Amino acid sequence: MIDLDFMEGLKDEEYPLFLRRLNERFNIDLSGYKPRVKRRIGILMKKYKISSYLEYLRLIEKNEQKRVEFLNKLTINVSEFFRNADRWKLLKNKYLSLLYDRFGKELKIWSAGCAYGQESYSLAILLEELHLPSSIKVLATDIDDNALNRGKEGIYEYRSILNLSSDLLEKYFIHLEDSRHYKVKQRLKSRVEFKHHNLLTDPFDENFSLILCRNVVIYFTKEVKNILYYRFSEALSKGGILLTGGTERIFNYKELGLKSIEPFFYEKE
């Protein structure tokens, strides 16, 4: 629990300005989550012995590593199963089958910035529903070890599974007694491999058929975004597909050797 004396010592008059500049600098609006955000920011500031919100803002502006830590703590790990349902329908009804036709049992999938695993398990559900070979798995990576551990545990609150039909819930989850939590069944867990990975500093694997990186790079500078998109393109096999988040259009996709095949779907040429 955070030290209340430390929280009282923070310069509260700077907090509204901190939120406004955070929104201007990184396009992150956290004003609607003030109590939770303030507590979590306080935890990080105490870690670095910083009592000024503006000083902490300068730190995350200058230091990519600490900015990633900040974003993982506050924003990125909020997700749900089958978020943006139209994208998932396209994956199920069109692109996963197309990719399996292209790559067969060599189909290789990466959920980059997987947070607590909702996206990764959503992919695993589609693999099961399409009856693709059990050897085809999802690599789920994140910089946040706590998030990875929760993903491996596979226990989710009811609000995370609202987009799931009762049929899918019954097939792939166990309703834990006396709670509003659901646990992923082992057949689904066996489809997902969770692994620590820093998108900014760690090498990328190669020959992916499908990469999902959604609602992650939006928080980075333009220069870092371009580097990451280039690296994702390099990590794809020819004919592989990159799926980005709903506000993460790649405008220079042609320069990266990609072509746009649907909004937010990019194919390696």
Protein backbone atom coordinates (compact mmCIF):
# COMPACT_ATOMS: atom_id res chain seq x y z
CA MET A 1 0.00 0.00 0.00
CA ILE A 2 1.27 3.46 -0.82
CA ASP A 3 2.63 5.66 1.98
CA LEU A 4 -0.06 8.25 2.77
CA ASP A 5 2.54 10.65 4.21
CA PHE A 6 4.35 10.53 0.88
CA MET A 7 1.12 11.20 -1.01
CA GLU A 8 0.39 14.20 1.19
CA GLY A 9 3.83 15.58 0.37
CA LEU A 10 3.17 15.63 -3.38
CA LYS A 11 2.61 18.97 -5.06
CA ASP A 12 -1.12 18.63 -5.72
CA GLU A 13 -1.35 21.98 -7.46
CA GLU A 14 0.75 20.49 -10.28
CA TYR A 15 -1.51 17.51 -10.84
CA PRO A 16 -4.08 19.10 -13.23
CA LEU A 17 -1.22 20.58 -15.26
CA PHE A 18 0.52 17.18 -15.28
CA LEU A 19 -2.61 15.51 -16.69
CA ARG A 20 -3.07 18.21 -19.32
CA ARG A 21 0.55 18.05 -20.49
CA LEU A 22 0.43 14.27 -20.47
CA ASN A 23 -2.54 14.45 -22.83
CA GLU A 24 -0.85 17.05 -25.06
CA ARG A 25 2.50 15.25 -25.15
CA PHE A 26 1.39 11.62 -25.51
CA ASN A 27 -2.32 11.84 -26.41
CA ILE A 28 -3.22 10.04 -23.18
CA ASP A 29 -6.32 11.32 -21.38
CA LEU A 30 -6.34 9.90 -17.86
CA SER A 31 -8.55 12.57 -16.33
CA GLY A 32 -11.50 10.21 -16.05
CA TYR A 33 -9.54 7.85 -13.77
CA LYS A 34 -8.19 10.41 -11.33
CA PRO A 35 -8.29 8.44 -8.02
CA ARG A 36 -6.70 5.29 -9.43
CA VAL A 37 -4.26 7.18 -11.63
CA LYS A 38 -3.14 9.42 -8.79
CA ARG A 39 -2.44 6.45 -6.52
CA ARG A 40 -0.48 4.58 -9.18
CA ILE A 41 1.50 7.64 -10.21
CA GLY A 42 2.29 8.16 -6.54
CA ILE A 43 3.69 4.63 -6.33
CA LEU A 44 6.03 5.26 -9.27
CA MET A 45 7.07 8.69 -8.01
CA LYS A 46 7.89 7.25 -4.59
CA LYS A 47 9.99 4.58 -6.30
CA TYR A 48 12.16 7.33 -7.85
CA LYS A 49 11.95 9.66 -4.83
CA ILE A 50 10.21 12.36 -6.86
CA SER A 51 7.67 14.66 -5.17
CA SER A 52 6.91 16.88 -8.18
CA TYR A 53 4.47 15.70 -10.86
CA LEU A 54 6.15 17.92 -13.45
CA GLU A 55 9.55 16.51 -12.57
CA TYR A 56 8.14 13.02 -13.07
CA LEU A 57 6.68 14.11 -16.42
CA ARG A 58 10.13 15.29 -17.52
CA LEU A 59 11.54 11.93 -16.49
CA ILE A 60 9.12 9.90 -18.64
CA GLU A 61 9.54 12.34 -21.54
CA LYS A 62 13.29 11.77 -21.58
CA ASN A 63 13.48 8.10 -20.61
CA GLU A 64 11.73 5.59 -22.92
CA GLN A 65 12.22 2.76 -20.44
CA LYS A 66 10.51 4.61 -17.61
CA ARG A 67 7.76 5.72 -19.98
CA VAL A 68 7.07 2.08 -20.87
CA GLU A 69 6.91 1.27 -17.15
CA PHE A 70 4.47 4.15 -16.63
CA LEU A 71 2.21 3.08 -19.51
CA ASN A 72 2.16 -0.54 -18.42
CA LYS A 73 1.25 0.52 -14.90
CA LEU A 74 -1.53 2.87 -15.87
CA THR A 75 -3.03 2.19 -19.27
CA ILE A 76 -1.95 -0.65 -21.49
CA ASN A 77 -3.00 -3.51 -19.24
CA VAL A 78 -6.67 -2.58 -19.45
CA SER A 79 -8.27 -4.91 -21.98
CA GLU A 80 -11.04 -7.40 -22.62
CA PHE A 81 -11.71 -10.46 -24.75
CA PHE A 82 -12.48 -9.74 -28.42
CA ARG A 83 -12.01 -6.00 -28.03
CA ASN A 84 -13.11 -4.27 -31.28
CA ALA A 85 -15.38 -7.11 -32.40
CA ASP A 86 -15.30 -6.21 -36.11
CA ARG A 87 -11.54 -6.90 -36.27
CA TRP A 88 -12.02 -10.30 -34.66
CA LYS A 89 -14.78 -11.20 -37.12
CA LEU A 90 -12.41 -10.45 -39.98
CA LEU A 91 -9.72 -12.58 -38.38
CA LYS A 92 -12.09 -15.48 -37.86
CA ASN A 93 -14.06 -15.32 -41.09
CA LYS A 94 -11.29 -14.35 -43.48
CA TYR A 95 -7.70 -13.87 -42.47
CA LEU A 96 -6.82 -16.78 -40.19
CA SER A 97 -8.04 -19.27 -42.78
CA LEU A 98 -6.21 -17.36 -45.50
CA LEU A 99 -3.01 -17.42 -43.47
CA TYR A 100 -3.39 -21.12 -42.73
CA ASP A 101 -3.74 -21.75 -46.46
CA ARG A 102 -0.48 -19.84 -46.98
CA PHE A 103 1.59 -21.16 -44.10
CA GLY A 104 -0.08 -24.39 -43.00
CA LYS A 105 1.32 -25.83 -39.77
CA GLU A 106 4.10 -23.23 -39.93
CA LEU A 107 1.53 -20.53 -39.06
CA LYS A 108 3.26 -18.38 -36.44
CA ILE A 109 1.36 -15.83 -34.32
CA TRP A 110 2.60 -13.08 -32.00
CA SER A 111 0.53 -11.00 -29.59
CA ALA A 112 2.94 -8.14 -28.82
CA GLY A 113 2.22 -6.11 -25.69
CA CYS A 114 -0.23 -8.78 -24.53
CA ALA A 115 -0.95 -7.25 -21.10
CA TYR A 116 -3.02 -9.71 -19.05
CA GLY A 117 -3.58 -12.06 -21.98
CA GLN A 118 -7.14 -11.32 -23.07
CA GLU A 119 -6.06 -10.73 -26.66
CA SER A 120 -3.80 -13.78 -26.68
CA TYR A 121 -6.51 -16.09 -25.40
CA SER A 122 -8.98 -14.54 -27.86
CA LEU A 123 -6.62 -15.64 -30.63
CA ALA A 124 -6.39 -19.10 -29.06
CA ILE A 125 -10.20 -19.34 -29.05
CA LEU A 126 -10.27 -18.58 -32.78
CA LEU A 127 -7.64 -21.25 -33.43
CA GLU A 128 -9.80 -23.75 -31.55
CA GLU A 129 -13.01 -22.66 -33.23
CA LEU A 130 -11.42 -22.99 -36.67
CA HIS A 131 -10.07 -26.44 -35.71
CA LEU A 132 -6.52 -25.50 -36.62
CA PRO A 133 -3.79 -27.94 -35.53
CA SER A 134 -2.91 -27.86 -31.82
CA SER A 135 0.72 -27.28 -32.78
CA ILE A 136 -0.20 -23.73 -33.81
CA LYS A 137 0.23 -21.51 -30.77
CA VAL A 138 0.25 -17.84 -29.80
CA LEU A 139 3.41 -16.14 -28.55
CA ALA A 140 2.24 -13.58 -25.96
CA THR A 141 4.84 -11.04 -24.86
CA ASP A 142 4.95 -8.06 -22.54
CA ILE A 143 7.46 -6.05 -20.53
CA ASP A 144 5.33 -6.30 -17.37
CA ASP A 145 6.10 -9.52 -15.48
CA ASN A 146 3.09 -9.04 -13.22
CA ALA A 147 0.82 -8.91 -16.27
CA LEU A 148 2.48 -12.02 -17.70
CA ASN A 149 1.97 -13.92 -14.46
CA ARG A 150 -1.70 -12.98 -14.43
CA GLY A 151 -1.98 -14.10 -18.04
CA LYS A 152 -0.44 -17.46 -17.17
CA GLU A 153 -2.88 -17.79 -14.28
CA GLY A 154 -5.74 -17.09 -16.68
CA ILE A 155 -8.31 -15.77 -14.19
CA TYR A 156 -10.48 -12.87 -15.32
CA GLU A 157 -13.23 -10.71 -13.89
CA TYR A 158 -16.67 -10.81 -15.43
CA ARG A 159 -16.20 -7.40 -17.09
CA SER A 160 -13.33 -8.82 -19.18
CA ILE A 161 -15.45 -11.55 -20.72
CA LEU A 162 -18.59 -9.54 -21.55
CA ASN A 163 -18.00 -9.98 -25.29
CA LEU A 164 -17.98 -13.76 -25.02
CA SER A 165 -21.08 -15.78 -25.86
CA SER A 166 -22.42 -18.24 -23.29
CA ASP A 167 -21.28 -21.04 -25.62
CA LEU A 168 -17.68 -19.83 -25.67
CA LEU A 169 -17.71 -19.28 -21.92
CA GLU A 170 -18.85 -22.84 -21.32
CA LYS A 171 -16.34 -24.32 -23.76
CA TYR A 172 -13.23 -22.46 -22.69
CA PHE A 173 -13.72 -21.19 -19.12
CA ILE A 174 -14.45 -22.46 -15.65
CA HIS A 175 -16.75 -20.28 -13.55
CA LEU A 176 -15.10 -20.11 -10.15
CA GLU A 177 -17.50 -20.81 -7.32
CA ASP A 178 -18.72 -17.93 -5.15
CA SER A 179 -17.14 -15.30 -7.41
CA ARG A 180 -17.56 -13.27 -10.58
CA HIS A 181 -14.30 -14.67 -11.94
CA TYR A 182 -13.67 -17.11 -14.76
CA LYS A 183 -10.60 -19.27 -15.30
CA VAL A 184 -9.27 -20.27 -18.71
CA LYS A 185 -9.38 -24.03 -19.30
CA GLN A 186 -6.16 -25.92 -19.87
CA ARG A 187 -6.97 -26.66 -23.52
CA LEU A 188 -6.82 -22.91 -24.18
CA LYS A 189 -3.77 -22.32 -21.98
CA SER A 190 -1.85 -24.89 -23.99
CA ARG A 191 -2.27 -22.67 -27.06
CA VAL A 192 -0.48 -19.65 -25.51
CA GLU A 193 3.15 -19.14 -24.51
CA PHE A 194 3.76 -16.11 -22.29
CA LYS A 195 7.22 -14.55 -22.45
CA HIS A 196 8.92 -11.39 -21.18
CA HIS A 197 9.89 -9.07 -24.02
CA ASN A 198 10.81 -5.38 -24.27
CA LEU A 199 9.72 -3.99 -27.63
CA LEU A 200 12.23 -1.17 -27.35
CA THR A 201 15.38 -3.13 -26.57
CA ASP A 202 14.93 -6.86 -27.18
CA PRO A 203 15.45 -8.53 -30.57
CA PHE A 204 12.38 -9.61 -32.55
CA ASP A 205 11.91 -13.17 -33.70
CA GLU A 206 11.29 -13.76 -37.41
CA ASN A 207 8.93 -15.46 -39.86
CA PHE A 208 5.67 -14.51 -38.19
CA SER A 209 2.48 -15.07 -40.15
CA LEU A 210 0.36 -12.79 -37.94
CA ILE A 211 1.36 -10.06 -35.48
CA LEU A 212 -1.12 -8.21 -33.30
CA CYS A 213 0.18 -5.06 -31.61
CA ARG A 214 -2.79 -2.98 -30.61
CA ASN A 215 -3.08 0.05 -28.35
CA VAL A 216 0.61 -0.08 -27.49
CA VAL A 217 2.72 1.99 -29.89
CA ILE A 218 0.27 4.90 -29.76
CA TYR A 219 1.95 5.91 -26.53
CA PHE A 220 5.42 6.20 -28.07
CA THR A 221 7.04 9.08 -29.91
CA LYS A 222 6.69 9.25 -33.70
CA GLU A 223 10.33 8.21 -34.12
CA VAL A 224 9.92 5.13 -31.90
CA LYS A 225 6.65 4.20 -33.64
CA ASN A 226 8.39 4.21 -37.01
CA ILE A 227 11.19 2.04 -35.68
CA LEU A 228 8.75 -0.46 -34.19
CA TYR A 229 6.61 -0.67 -37.33
CA TYR A 230 9.75 -1.26 -39.38
CA ARG A 231 10.80 -4.03 -37.00
CA PHE A 232 7.34 -5.61 -37.10
CA SER A 233 7.47 -5.59 -40.90
CA GLU A 234 10.90 -7.22 -40.82
CA ALA A 235 9.58 -9.86 -38.42
CA LEU A 236 6.76 -10.87 -40.80
CA SER A 237 7.07 -13.50 -43.50
CA LYS A 238 6.05 -12.45 -46.99
CA GLY A 239 2.26 -12.61 -47.04
CA GLY A 240 2.07 -12.21 -43.26
CA ILE A 241 -0.28 -9.71 -41.64
CA LEU A 242 0.16 -7.00 -38.98
CA LEU A 243 -2.95 -5.84 -37.10
CA THR A 244 -2.75 -2.53 -35.23
CA GLY A 245 -5.07 -0.73 -32.82
CA GLY A 246 -8.07 1.39 -33.71
CA THR A 247 -6.15 4.68 -33.55
CA GLU A 248 -2.85 3.33 -34.91
CA ARG A 249 -2.96 3.74 -38.67
CA ILE A 250 0.39 3.32 -40.41
CA PHE A 251 0.59 6.13 -42.95
CA ASN A 252 3.99 5.19 -44.39
CA TYR A 253 3.17 1.49 -44.78
CA LYS A 254 4.46 1.38 -48.37
CA GLU A 255 7.91 2.49 -47.21
CA LEU A 256 7.89 -0.44 -44.78
CA GLY A 257 7.13 -3.03 -47.46
CA LEU A 258 3.49 -3.35 -46.37
CA LYS A 259 0.17 -2.87 -48.10
CA SER A 260 -3.13 -1.93 -46.50
CA ILE A 261 -5.73 -4.67 -47.00
CA GLU A 262 -8.35 -3.46 -44.50
CA PRO A 263 -8.38 -0.60 -42.00
CA PHE A 264 -5.62 -1.48 -39.50
CA PHE A 265 -4.66 -4.69 -41.37
CA TYR A 266 -1.32 -4.59 -43.21
CA GLU A 267 0.16 -7.35 -45.35
CA LYS A 268 3.88 -7.90 -45.95
CA GLU A 269 4.65 -7.69 -49.68
